[in-house]
PDB file of all heavy atoms in Angstrom:
ATOM      1  N   PRO A   1       0.844  -1.197   0.000  1.00  0.00           N
ATOM      2  CA  PRO A   1       0.000   0.000   0.000  1.00  0.00           C
ATOM      3  C   PRO A   1       0.882   1.250   0.000  1.00  0.00           C
ATOM      4  O   PRO A   1       1.985   1.245   0.559  1.00  0.00           O
ATOM      5  CB  PRO A   1      -0.788  -0.121   1.308  1.00  0.00           C
ATOM      6  CG  PRO A   1      -0.648  -1.541   1.733  1.00  0.00           C
ATOM      7  CD  PRO A   1       0.662  -2.011   1.215  1.00  0.00           C
ATOM      8  N   VAL A   2       0.376   2.307  -0.604  1.00  0.00           N
ATOM      9  CA  VAL A   2       1.119   3.572  -0.670  1.00  0.00           C
ATOM     10  C   VAL A   2       0.206   4.704  -0.222  1.00  0.00           C
ATOM     11  O   VAL A   2      -0.907   4.851  -0.721  1.00  0.00           O
ATOM     12  CB  VAL A   2       1.643   3.837  -2.097  1.00  0.00           C
ATOM     13  CG1 VAL A   2       2.291   5.225  -2.187  1.00  0.00           C
ATOM     14  CG2 VAL A   2       2.654   2.765  -2.505  1.00  0.00           C
ATOM     15  N   LEU A   3       0.707   5.511   0.720  1.00  0.00           N
ATOM     16  CA  LEU A   3      -0.010   6.685   1.202  1.00  0.00           C
ATOM     17  C   LEU A   3       0.672   7.932   0.658  1.00  0.00           C
ATOM     18  O   LEU A   3       1.837   8.181   0.957  1.00  0.00           O
ATOM     19  CB  LEU A   3      -0.017   6.711   2.732  1.00  0.00           C
ATOM     20  CG  LEU A   3      -0.698   7.916   3.392  1.00  0.00           C
ATOM     21  CD1 LEU A   3      -2.183   7.948   3.063  1.00  0.00           C
ATOM     22  CD2 LEU A   3      -0.483   7.893   4.909  1.00  0.00           C
ATOM     23  N   PHE A   4      -0.054   8.693  -0.157  1.00  0.00           N
ATOM     24  CA  PHE A   4       0.460   9.948  -0.696  1.00  0.00           C
ATOM     25  C   PHE A   4       0.143  11.073   0.296  1.00  0.00           C
ATOM     26  O   PHE A   4      -1.023  11.306   0.619  1.00  0.00           O
ATOM     27  CB  PHE A   4      -0.184  10.270  -2.046  1.00  0.00           C
ATOM     28  CG  PHE A   4       0.293   9.423  -3.184  1.00  0.00           C
ATOM     29  CD1 PHE A   4      -0.203   8.137  -3.368  1.00  0.00           C
ATOM     30  CD2 PHE A   4       1.244   9.897  -4.077  1.00  0.00           C
ATOM     31  CE1 PHE A   4       0.232   7.349  -4.421  1.00  0.00           C
ATOM     32  CE2 PHE A   4       1.685   9.123  -5.137  1.00  0.00           C
ATOM     33  CZ  PHE A   4       1.181   7.844  -5.309  1.00  0.00           C
ATOM     34  N   GLU A   5       1.192  11.750   0.779  1.00  0.00           N
ATOM     35  CA  GLU A   5       0.984  12.914   1.639  1.00  0.00           C
ATOM     36  C   GLU A   5       0.105  13.925   0.907  1.00  0.00           C
ATOM     37  O   GLU A   5       0.120  14.013  -0.315  1.00  0.00           O
ATOM     38  CB  GLU A   5       2.337  13.534   1.988  1.00  0.00           C
ATOM     39  CG  GLU A   5       2.274  14.593   3.061  1.00  0.00           C
ATOM     40  CD  GLU A   5       3.618  15.232   3.327  1.00  0.00           C
ATOM     41  OE1 GLU A   5       4.461  15.280   2.408  1.00  0.00           O
ATOM     42  OE2 GLU A   5       3.828  15.708   4.456  1.00  0.00           O
ATOM     43  N   ALA A   6      -0.661  14.716   1.660  1.00  0.00           N
ATOM     44  CA  ALA A   6      -1.676  15.592   1.066  1.00  0.00           C
ATOM     45  C   ALA A   6      -1.172  16.461  -0.096  1.00  0.00           C
ATOM     46  O   ALA A   6      -1.854  16.546  -1.122  1.00  0.00           O
ATOM     47  CB  ALA A   6      -2.316  16.460   2.143  1.00  0.00           C
ATOM     48  N   PRO A   7      -0.008  17.123   0.011  1.00  0.00           N
ATOM     49  CA  PRO A   7       0.431  17.934  -1.142  1.00  0.00           C
ATOM     50  C   PRO A   7       0.631  17.110  -2.411  1.00  0.00           C
ATOM     51  O   PRO A   7       0.382  17.597  -3.520  1.00  0.00           O
ATOM     52  CB  PRO A   7       1.761  18.540  -0.658  1.00  0.00           C
ATOM     53  CG  PRO A   7       1.659  18.532   0.827  1.00  0.00           C
ATOM     54  CD  PRO A   7       0.893  17.290   1.168  1.00  0.00           C
ATOM     55  N   LEU A   8       1.072  15.874  -2.265  1.00  0.00           N
ATOM     56  CA  LEU A   8       1.261  15.008  -3.431  1.00  0.00           C
ATOM     57  C   LEU A   8      -0.073  14.422  -3.898  1.00  0.00           C
ATOM     58  O   LEU A   8      -0.266  14.174  -5.088  1.00  0.00           O
ATOM     59  CB  LEU A   8       2.239  13.880  -3.104  1.00  0.00           C
ATOM     60  CG  LEU A   8       3.603  14.307  -2.567  1.00  0.00           C
ATOM     61  CD1 LEU A   8       4.508  13.093  -2.406  1.00  0.00           C
ATOM     62  CD2 LEU A   8       4.261  15.334  -3.480  1.00  0.00           C
ATOM     63  N   ALA A   9      -0.978  14.216  -2.962  1.00  0.00           N
ATOM     64  CA  ALA A   9      -2.314  13.736  -3.326  1.00  0.00           C
ATOM     65  C   ALA A   9      -3.012  14.736  -4.233  1.00  0.00           C
ATOM     66  O   ALA A   9      -3.770  14.362  -5.133  1.00  0.00           O
ATOM     67  CB  ALA A   9      -3.140  13.486  -2.065  1.00  0.00           C
ATOM     68  N   ALA A  10      -2.756  16.035  -4.014  1.00  0.00           N
ATOM     69  CA  ALA A  10      -3.323  17.054  -4.901  1.00  0.00           C
ATOM     70  C   ALA A  10      -2.833  16.848  -6.335  1.00  0.00           C
ATOM     71  O   ALA A  10      -3.547  17.154  -7.295  1.00  0.00           O
ATOM     72  CB  ALA A  10      -2.948  18.447  -4.409  1.00  0.00           C
ATOM     73  N   GLY A  11      -1.626  16.312  -6.484  1.00  0.00           N
ATOM     74  CA  GLY A  11      -1.107  15.995  -7.815  1.00  0.00           C
ATOM     75  C   GLY A  11      -1.862  14.864  -8.478  1.00  0.00           C
ATOM     76  O   GLY A  11      -2.052  14.862  -9.702  1.00  0.00           O
ATOM     77  N   LEU A  12      -2.317  13.885  -7.698  1.00  0.00           N
ATOM     78  CA  LEU A  12      -3.141  12.810  -8.255  1.00  0.00           C
ATOM     79  C   LEU A  12      -4.467  13.365  -8.771  1.00  0.00           C
ATOM     80  O   LEU A  12      -4.954  12.976  -9.839  1.00  0.00           O
ATOM     81  CB  LEU A  12      -3.400  11.741  -7.200  1.00  0.00           C
ATOM     82  CG  LEU A  12      -2.203  10.939  -6.693  1.00  0.00           C
ATOM     83  CD1 LEU A  12      -2.649   9.940  -5.640  1.00  0.00           C
ATOM     84  CD2 LEU A  12      -1.488  10.231  -7.843  1.00  0.00           C
ATOM     85  N   LEU A  13      -5.053  14.283  -7.992  1.00  0.00           N
ATOM     86  CA  LEU A  13      -6.281  14.936  -8.448  1.00  0.00           C
ATOM     87  C   LEU A  13      -6.016  15.723  -9.724  1.00  0.00           C
ATOM     88  O   LEU A  13      -6.837  15.714 -10.655  1.00  0.00           O
ATOM     89  CB  LEU A  13      -6.816  15.849  -7.349  1.00  0.00           C
ATOM     90  CG  LEU A  13      -8.078  16.658  -7.654  1.00  0.00           C
ATOM     91  CD1 LEU A  13      -9.211  15.761  -8.115  1.00  0.00           C
ATOM     92  CD2 LEU A  13      -8.493  17.479  -6.441  1.00  0.00           C
ATOM     93  N   GLY A  14      -4.860  16.384  -9.790  1.00  0.00           N
ATOM     94  CA  GLY A  14      -4.505  17.122 -10.997  1.00  0.00           C
ATOM     95  C   GLY A  14      -4.359  16.217 -12.210  1.00  0.00           C
ATOM     96  O   GLY A  14      -4.743  16.589 -13.323  1.00  0.00           O
ATOM     97  N   ALA A  15      -3.819  15.024 -12.022  1.00  0.00           N
ATOM     98  CA  ALA A  15      -3.683  14.070 -13.134  1.00  0.00           C
ATOM     99  C   ALA A  15      -5.055  13.634 -13.641  1.00  0.00           C
ATOM    100  O   ALA A  15      -5.271  13.486 -14.849  1.00  0.00           O
ATOM    101  CB  ALA A  15      -2.870  12.860 -12.681  1.00  0.00           C
ATOM    102  N   PHE A  16      -5.996  13.442 -12.720  1.00  0.00           N
ATOM    103  CA  PHE A  16      -7.357  13.100 -13.115  1.00  0.00           C
ATOM    104  C   PHE A  16      -7.977  14.237 -13.939  1.00  0.00           C
ATOM    105  O   PHE A  16      -8.613  14.000 -14.970  1.00  0.00           O
ATOM    106  CB  PHE A  16      -8.199  12.812 -11.874  1.00  0.00           C
ATOM    107  CG  PHE A  16      -9.677  12.797 -12.123  1.00  0.00           C
ATOM    108  CD1 PHE A  16     -10.256  11.770 -12.846  1.00  0.00           C
ATOM    109  CD2 PHE A  16     -10.488  13.816 -11.640  1.00  0.00           C
ATOM    110  CE1 PHE A  16     -11.627  11.758 -13.085  1.00  0.00           C
ATOM    111  CE2 PHE A  16     -11.845  13.814 -11.875  1.00  0.00           C
ATOM    112  CZ  PHE A  16     -12.421  12.780 -12.599  1.00  0.00           C
ATOM    113  N   VAL A  17      -7.782  15.479 -13.484  1.00  0.00           N
ATOM    114  CA  VAL A  17      -8.327  16.632 -14.208  1.00  0.00           C
ATOM    115  C   VAL A  17      -7.750  16.694 -15.616  1.00  0.00           C
ATOM    116  O   VAL A  17      -8.481  16.914 -16.596  1.00  0.00           O
ATOM    117  CB  VAL A  17      -8.017  17.941 -13.445  1.00  0.00           C
ATOM    118  CG1 VAL A  17      -8.386  19.155 -14.292  1.00  0.00           C
ATOM    119  CG2 VAL A  17      -8.765  17.968 -12.125  1.00  0.00           C
ATOM    120  N   GLN A  18      -6.449  16.486 -15.728  1.00  0.00           N
ATOM    121  CA  GLN A  18      -5.818  16.501 -17.049  1.00  0.00           C
ATOM    122  C   GLN A  18      -6.432  15.436 -17.960  1.00  0.00           C
ATOM    123  O   GLN A  18      -6.682  15.670 -19.148  1.00  0.00           O
ATOM    124  CB  GLN A  18      -4.319  16.248 -16.901  1.00  0.00           C
ATOM    125  CG  GLN A  18      -3.553  15.986 -18.191  1.00  0.00           C
ATOM    126  CD  GLN A  18      -3.481  17.196 -19.103  1.00  0.00           C
ATOM    127  OE1 GLN A  18      -3.648  18.324 -18.640  1.00  0.00           O
ATOM    128  NE2 GLN A  18      -3.233  16.969 -20.374  1.00  0.00           N
ATOM    129  N   ALA A  19      -6.709  14.274 -17.414  1.00  0.00           N
ATOM    130  CA  ALA A  19      -7.221  13.161 -18.213  1.00  0.00           C
ATOM    131  C   ALA A  19      -8.644  13.391 -18.701  1.00  0.00           C
ATOM    132  O   ALA A  19      -9.046  12.834 -19.731  1.00  0.00           O
ATOM    133  CB  ALA A  19      -7.143  11.865 -17.414  1.00  0.00           C
ATOM    134  N   ILE A  20      -9.436  14.210 -17.977  1.00  0.00           N
ATOM    135  CA  ILE A  20     -10.811  14.455 -18.434  1.00  0.00           C
ATOM    136  C   ILE A  20     -10.983  15.901 -18.922  1.00  0.00           C
ATOM    137  O   ILE A  20     -12.099  16.421 -18.942  1.00  0.00           O
ATOM    138  CB  ILE A  20     -11.862  14.118 -17.352  1.00  0.00           C
ATOM    139  CG1 ILE A  20     -11.711  14.999 -16.116  1.00  0.00           C
ATOM    140  CG2 ILE A  20     -11.804  12.649 -16.987  1.00  0.00           C
ATOM    141  CD1 ILE A  20     -12.932  14.931 -15.204  1.00  0.00           C
ATOM    142  N   SER A  21      -9.882  16.521 -19.324  1.00  0.00           N
ATOM    143  CA  SER A  21      -9.950  17.853 -19.917  1.00  0.00           C
ATOM    144  C   SER A  21     -10.144  17.744 -21.422  1.00  0.00           C
ATOM    145  O   SER A  21      -9.685  16.775 -22.058  1.00  0.00           O
ATOM    146  CB  SER A  21      -8.683  18.644 -19.604  1.00  0.00           C
ATOM    147  OG  SER A  21      -8.638  18.978 -18.222  1.00  0.00           O
ATOM    148  N   GLY A  22     -10.829  18.736 -21.977  1.00  0.00           N
ATOM    149  CA  GLY A  22     -11.247  18.672 -23.370  1.00  0.00           C
ATOM    150  C   GLY A  22     -10.135  18.435 -24.364  1.00  0.00           C
ATOM    151  O   GLY A  22     -10.283  17.658 -25.316  1.00  0.00           O
ATOM    152  N   GLY A  23      -8.973  19.100 -24.167  1.00  0.00           N
ATOM    153  CA  GLY A  23      -7.877  18.943 -25.114  1.00  0.00           C
ATOM    154  C   GLY A  23      -7.410  17.506 -25.227  1.00  0.00           C
ATOM    155  O   GLY A  23      -7.173  16.993 -26.318  1.00  0.00           O
ATOM    156  N   ALA A  24      -7.268  16.830 -24.090  1.00  0.00           N
ATOM    157  CA  ALA A  24      -6.843  15.430 -24.103  1.00  0.00           C
ATOM    158  C   ALA A  24      -7.928  14.536 -24.670  1.00  0.00           C
ATOM    159  O   ALA A  24      -7.642  13.556 -25.381  1.00  0.00           O
ATOM    160  CB  ALA A  24      -6.475  14.990 -22.685  1.00  0.00           C
ATOM    161  N   LEU A  25      -9.183  14.870 -24.403  1.00  0.00           N
ATOM    162  CA  LEU A  25     -10.282  14.010 -24.842  1.00  0.00           C
ATOM    163  C   LEU A  25     -10.499  14.081 -26.354  1.00  0.00           C
ATOM    164  O   LEU A  25     -10.634  13.051 -27.014  1.00  0.00           O
ATOM    165  CB  LEU A  25     -11.565  14.383 -24.105  1.00  0.00           C
ATOM    166  CG  LEU A  25     -11.555  14.121 -22.590  1.00  0.00           C
ATOM    167  CD1 LEU A  25     -12.799  14.696 -21.941  1.00  0.00           C
ATOM    168  CD2 LEU A  25     -11.446  12.624 -22.299  1.00  0.00           C
ATOM    169  N   TYR A  26     -10.542  15.298 -26.912  1.00  0.00           N
ATOM    170  CA  TYR A  26     -10.832  15.347 -28.346  1.00  0.00           C
ATOM    171  C   TYR A  26      -9.639  14.889 -29.188  1.00  0.00           C
ATOM    172  O   TYR A  26      -9.810  14.433 -30.328  1.00  0.00           O
ATOM    173  CB  TYR A  26     -11.348  16.724 -28.764  1.00  0.00           C
ATOM    174  CG  TYR A  26     -10.331  17.772 -29.158  1.00  0.00           C
ATOM    175  CD1 TYR A  26      -9.681  17.727 -30.397  1.00  0.00           C
ATOM    176  CD2 TYR A  26     -10.044  18.842 -28.312  1.00  0.00           C
ATOM    177  CE1 TYR A  26      -8.767  18.703 -30.762  1.00  0.00           C
ATOM    178  CE2 TYR A  26      -9.139  19.815 -28.672  1.00  0.00           C
ATOM    179  CZ  TYR A  26      -8.495  19.743 -29.902  1.00  0.00           C
ATOM    180  OH  TYR A  26      -7.601  20.708 -30.261  1.00  0.00           O
ATOM    181  N   ARG A  27      -8.440  14.987 -28.623  1.00  0.00           N
ATOM    182  CA  ARG A  27      -7.255  14.452 -29.324  1.00  0.00           C
ATOM    183  C   ARG A  27      -7.089  12.953 -29.094  1.00  0.00           C
ATOM    184  O   ARG A  27      -6.178  12.339 -29.624  1.00  0.00           O
ATOM    185  CB  ARG A  27      -6.002  15.180 -28.847  1.00  0.00           C
ATOM    186  CG  ARG A  27      -5.948  16.656 -29.214  1.00  0.00           C
ATOM    187  CD  ARG A  27      -4.606  17.258 -28.819  1.00  0.00           C
ATOM    188  NE  ARG A  27      -4.536  18.666 -29.125  1.00  0.00           N
ATOM    189  CZ  ARG A  27      -4.787  19.648 -28.248  1.00  0.00           C
ATOM    190  NH1 ARG A  27      -5.117  19.340 -26.990  1.00  0.00           N
ATOM    191  NH2 ARG A  27      -4.709  20.912 -28.597  1.00  0.00           N
ATOM    192  N   LYS A  28      -7.947  12.392 -28.246  1.00  0.00           N
ATOM    193  CA  LYS A  28      -7.904  10.968 -27.890  1.00  0.00           C
ATOM    194  C   LYS A  28      -6.546  10.589 -27.295  1.00  0.00           C
ATOM    195  O   LYS A  28      -5.965   9.540 -27.610  1.00  0.00           O
ATOM    196  CB  LYS A  28      -8.243  10.087 -29.096  1.00  0.00           C
ATOM    197  CG  LYS A  28      -9.630  10.352 -29.651  1.00  0.00           C
ATOM    198  CD  LYS A  28     -10.046   9.330 -30.671  1.00  0.00           C
ATOM    199  CE  LYS A  28     -11.434   9.632 -31.228  1.00  0.00           C
ATOM    200  NZ  LYS A  28     -12.485   9.663 -30.179  1.00  0.00           N
ATOM    201  N   SER A  29      -6.052  11.479 -26.424  1.00  0.00           N
ATOM    202  CA  SER A  29      -4.764  11.250 -25.764  1.00  0.00           C
ATOM    203  C   SER A  29      -4.953  11.136 -24.258  1.00  0.00           C
ATOM    204  O   SER A  29      -4.157  11.652 -23.481  1.00  0.00           O
ATOM    205  CB  SER A  29      -3.790  12.389 -26.095  1.00  0.00           C
ATOM    206  OG  SER A  29      -4.312  13.645 -25.689  1.00  0.00           O
ATOM    207  N   SER A  30      -6.020  10.447 -23.856  1.00  0.00           N
ATOM    208  CA  SER A  30      -6.324  10.293 -22.447  1.00  0.00           C
ATOM    209  C   SER A  30      -6.669   8.855 -22.123  1.00  0.00           C
ATOM    210  O   SER A  30      -7.312   8.165 -22.926  1.00  0.00           O
ATOM    211  CB  SER A  30      -7.507  11.193 -22.051  1.00  0.00           C
ATOM    212  OG  SER A  30      -7.973  10.876 -20.758  1.00  0.00           O
ATOM    213  N   PHE A  31      -6.262   8.420 -20.941  1.00  0.00           N
ATOM    214  CA  PHE A  31      -6.620   7.070 -20.489  1.00  0.00           C
ATOM    215  C   PHE A  31      -8.048   7.012 -19.962  1.00  0.00           C
ATOM    216  O   PHE A  31      -8.537   5.945 -19.584  1.00  0.00           O
ATOM    217  CB  PHE A  31      -5.638   6.583 -19.416  1.00  0.00           C
ATOM    218  CG  PHE A  31      -5.648   7.384 -18.142  1.00  0.00           C
ATOM    219  CD1 PHE A  31      -6.474   7.027 -17.081  1.00  0.00           C
ATOM    220  CD2 PHE A  31      -4.823   8.492 -17.991  1.00  0.00           C
ATOM    221  CE1 PHE A  31      -6.481   7.758 -15.905  1.00  0.00           C
ATOM    222  CE2 PHE A  31      -4.820   9.228 -16.821  1.00  0.00           C
ATOM    223  CZ  PHE A  31      -5.651   8.866 -15.776  1.00  0.00           C
ATOM    224  N   LEU A  32      -8.741   8.158 -19.949  1.00  0.00           N
ATOM    225  CA  LEU A  32     -10.131   8.199 -19.486  1.00  0.00           C
ATOM    226  C   LEU A  32     -11.085   8.653 -20.584  1.00  0.00           C
ATOM    227  O   LEU A  32     -12.053   9.377 -20.328  1.00  0.00           O
ATOM    228  CB  LEU A  32     -10.251   9.118 -18.263  1.00  0.00           C
ATOM    229  CG  LEU A  32      -9.607   8.613 -16.967  1.00  0.00           C
ATOM    230  CD1 LEU A  32      -9.780   9.628 -15.850  1.00  0.00           C
ATOM    231  CD2 LEU A  32     -10.182   7.263 -16.555  1.00  0.00           C
ATOM    232  N   LEU A  33     -10.847   8.201 -21.817  1.00  0.00           N
ATOM    233  CA  LEU A  33     -11.762   8.508 -22.915  1.00  0.00           C
ATOM    234  C   LEU A  33     -13.153   7.949 -22.618  1.00  0.00           C
ATOM    235  O   LEU A  33     -13.297   6.861 -22.041  1.00  0.00           O
ATOM    236  CB  LEU A  33     -11.237   7.910 -24.221  1.00  0.00           C
ATOM    237  CG  LEU A  33      -9.968   8.527 -24.826  1.00  0.00           C
ATOM    238  CD1 LEU A  33      -9.543   7.735 -26.055  1.00  0.00           C
ATOM    239  CD2 LEU A  33     -10.186   9.992 -25.172  1.00  0.00           C
ATOM    240  N   ASP A  34     -14.171   8.725 -23.010  1.00  0.00           N
ATOM    241  CA  ASP A  34     -15.562   8.271 -22.876  1.00  0.00           C
ATOM    242  C   ASP A  34     -15.903   7.856 -21.436  1.00  0.00           C
ATOM    243  O   ASP A  34     -16.633   6.889 -21.208  1.00  0.00           O
ATOM    244  CB  ASP A  34     -15.835   7.095 -23.832  1.00  0.00           C
ATOM    245  CG  ASP A  34     -15.559   7.453 -25.276  1.00  0.00           C
ATOM    246  OD1 ASP A  34     -15.920   8.568 -25.689  1.00  0.00           O
ATOM    247  OD2 ASP A  34     -14.964   6.620 -25.985  1.00  0.00           O
TER     248      ASP A  34
END
């Protein structure tokens, strides 16, 4: 198991935001398409 300290956990949230942002989605460059 891995515990990300809160400042680094915010980075995980940021990665999620990047993956469901329009630029990544319409270019089909996201692991969270559709």
